C-alpha atoms as a PDB file:
ATOM      1  CA  MET A   1       0.018   0.075  -0.105  1.00  0.00           C
ATOM      2  CA  VAL A   2       2.535   2.615   0.953  1.00  0.00           C
ATOM      3  CA  PRO A   3       4.875   1.949  -1.981  1.00  0.00           C
ATOM      4  CA  GLY A   4       1.786   2.308  -4.336  1.00  0.00           C
ATOM      5  CA  THR A   5       1.359   5.809  -2.895  1.00  0.00           C
ATOM      6  CA  PHE A   6       4.976   6.850  -3.897  1.00  0.00           C
ATOM      7  CA  ILE A   7       4.719   5.063  -7.199  1.00  0.00           C
ATOM      8  CA  ARG A   8       1.595   7.113  -8.111  1.00  0.00           C
ATOM      9  CA  HIS A   9       3.312  10.551  -7.054  1.00  0.00           C
ATOM     10  CA  ALA A  10       7.229  10.373  -6.799  1.00  0.00           C
ATOM     11  CA  ASN A  11      10.019  10.309  -9.009  1.00  0.00           C
ATOM     12  CA  PRO A  12      13.850  10.770  -7.759  1.00  0.00           C
ATOM     13  CA  GLU A  13      13.366  14.540  -8.615  1.00  0.00           C
ATOM     14  CA  ASN A  14      10.137  15.198  -6.250  1.00  0.00           C
ATOM     15  CA  ILE A  15      10.626  12.603  -3.562  1.00  0.00           C
ATOM     16  CA  GLU A  16      10.961  15.226  -0.750  1.00  0.00           C
ATOM     17  CA  GLU A  17       7.992  17.328  -2.076  1.00  0.00           C
ATOM     18  CA  VAL A  18       5.879  14.127  -2.244  1.00  0.00           C
ATOM     19  CA  LEU A  19       6.784  13.145   1.234  1.00  0.00           C
ATOM     20  CA  ARG A  20       6.060  16.665   2.563  1.00  0.00           C
ATOM     21  CA  ASP A  21       2.712  16.984   0.660  1.00  0.00           C
ATOM     22  CA  HIS A  22       1.472  13.422   1.461  1.00  0.00           C
ATOM     23  CA  GLN A  23       2.897  12.756   4.759  1.00  0.00           C
ATOM     24  CA  ALA A  24      -0.326  12.438   6.684  1.00  0.00           C
ATOM     25  CA  SER A  25      -1.839  10.090   4.089  1.00  0.00           C
ATOM     26  CA  ILE A  26       1.280   8.119   3.816  1.00  0.00           C
ATOM     27  CA  LEU A  27       1.223   7.632   7.490  1.00  0.00           C
ATOM     28  CA  GLN A  28      -2.404   6.835   7.776  1.00  0.00           C
ATOM     29  CA  ILE A  29      -1.971   3.996   5.250  1.00  0.00           C
ATOM     30  CA  ALA A  30       1.090   2.744   6.701  1.00  0.00           C
ATOM     31  CA  ASN A  31      -0.579   2.610  10.297  1.00  0.00           C
ATOM     32  CA  ALA A  32      -3.847   0.827   9.033  1.00  0.00           C
ATOM     33  CA  SER A  33      -1.511  -1.507   7.186  1.00  0.00           C
ATOM     34  CA  GLY A  34       0.505  -2.439  10.116  1.00  0.00           C
ATOM     35  CA  SER A  35      -2.650  -2.785  12.449  1.00  0.00           C
ATOM     36  CA  LEU A  36      -4.192  -5.187  10.017  1.00  0.00           C
ATOM     37  CA  THR A  37      -0.949  -7.161   9.832  1.00  0.00           C
ATOM     38  CA  THR A  38      -1.117  -7.548  13.442  1.00  0.00           C
ATOM     39  CA  THR A  39      -4.297  -9.440  13.274  1.00  0.00           C
ATOM     40  CA  GLY A  40      -3.288 -12.112  10.766  1.00  0.00           C
ATOM     41  CA  LYS A  41      -0.894 -15.170  10.939  1.00  0.00           C
ATOM     42  CA  GLY A  42       2.397 -15.353   9.405  1.00  0.00           C
ATOM     43  CA  ALA A  43       4.403 -12.691   7.795  1.00  0.00           C
ATOM     44  CA  ILE A  44       3.418 -12.346   3.995  1.00  0.00           C
ATOM     45  CA  SER A  45      -0.168 -14.045   4.375  1.00  0.00           C
ATOM     46  CA  ALA A  46      -0.839 -11.205   7.058  1.00  0.00           C
ATOM     47  CA  LEU A  47      -0.383  -8.347   4.734  1.00  0.00           C
ATOM     48  CA  PRO A  48      -3.546  -6.599   3.879  1.00  0.00           C
ATOM     49  CA  ASN A  49      -4.705  -5.835   0.398  1.00  0.00           C
ATOM     50  CA  LYS A  50      -5.718  -2.360  -0.689  1.00  0.00           C
ATOM     51  CA  ARG A  51      -9.519  -3.128  -0.216  1.00  0.00           C
ATOM     52  CA  GLU A  52      -8.911  -4.237   3.598  1.00  0.00           C
ATOM     53  CA  VAL A  53      -6.736  -0.930   4.161  1.00  0.00           C
ATOM     54  CA  GLU A  54      -9.481   1.270   2.639  1.00  0.00           C
ATOM     55  CA  GLU A  55     -12.026  -0.236   4.488  1.00  0.00           C
ATOM     56  CA  LEU A  56     -10.336   0.305   7.743  1.00  0.00           C
ATOM     57  CA  LEU A  57      -9.455   3.692   6.988  1.00  0.00           C
ATOM     58  CA  ARG A  58     -13.394   4.368   6.284  1.00  0.00           C
ATOM     59  CA  SER A  59     -14.353   3.087   9.564  1.00  0.00           C
END
Protein backbone atom coordinates (compact mmCIF):
# COMPACT_ATOMS: atom_id res chain seq x y z
CA MET A 1 0.00 0.00 0.00
CA VAL A 2 2.54 2.59 1.02
CA PRO A 3 4.81 1.90 -1.96
CA GLY A 4 1.78 2.41 -4.19
CA THR A 5 1.42 5.94 -2.85
CA PHE A 6 5.02 6.66 -3.81
CA ILE A 7 4.69 5.08 -7.24
CA ARG A 8 1.68 7.24 -8.06
CA HIS A 9 3.27 10.52 -6.98
CA ALA A 10 7.04 10.28 -6.74
CA ASN A 11 10.11 10.20 -8.89
CA PRO A 12 13.72 10.80 -7.87
CA GLU A 13 13.45 14.51 -8.56
CA ASN A 14 10.42 15.20 -6.35
CA ILE A 15 10.57 12.63 -3.55
CA GLU A 16 11.00 15.26 -0.81
CA GLU A 17 8.04 17.25 -2.12
CA VAL A 18 5.84 14.16 -2.26
CA LEU A 19 6.81 13.14 1.27
CA ARG A 20 6.04 16.65 2.54
CA ASP A 21 2.75 17.01 0.66
CA HIS A 22 1.42 13.50 1.36
CA GLN A 23 2.96 12.77 4.75
CA ALA A 24 -0.35 12.47 6.61
CA SER A 25 -1.94 10.07 4.13
CA ILE A 26 1.24 7.99 3.86
CA LEU A 27 1.34 7.61 7.63
CA GLN A 28 -2.38 6.78 7.83
CA ILE A 29 -1.98 4.04 5.22
CA ALA A 30 1.14 2.69 6.93
CA ASN A 31 -0.58 2.62 10.33
CA ALA A 32 -3.69 0.93 8.94
CA SER A 33 -1.55 -1.64 7.11
CA GLY A 34 0.47 -2.34 10.21
CA SER A 35 -2.54 -2.72 12.46
CA LEU A 36 -4.24 -5.11 10.04
CA THR A 37 -1.03 -7.13 9.70
CA THR A 38 -0.96 -7.78 13.43
CA THR A 39 -4.37 -9.49 13.22
CA GLY A 40 -3.21 -12.17 10.76
CA LYS A 41 -0.92 -15.17 10.96
CA GLY A 42 2.41 -15.35 9.21
CA ALA A 43 4.51 -12.64 7.67
CA ILE A 44 3.50 -12.33 4.05
CA SER A 45 0.06 -13.92 4.33
CA ALA A 46 -0.92 -11.39 7.02
CA LEU A 47 -0.28 -8.38 4.78
CA PRO A 48 -3.56 -6.63 3.97
CA ASN A 49 -4.69 -5.81 0.46
CA LYS A 50 -5.79 -2.38 -0.74
CA ARG A 51 -9.49 -3.05 -0.15
CA GLU A 52 -8.89 -4.10 3.47
CA VAL A 53 -6.84 -0.98 4.20
CA GLU A 54 -9.38 1.30 2.55
CA GLU A 55 -12.21 -0.31 4.56
CA LEU A 56 -10.31 0.26 7.80
CA LEU A 57 -9.60 3.88 6.90
CA ARG A 58 -13.31 4.47 6.19
CA SER A 59 -14.40 3.03 9.54
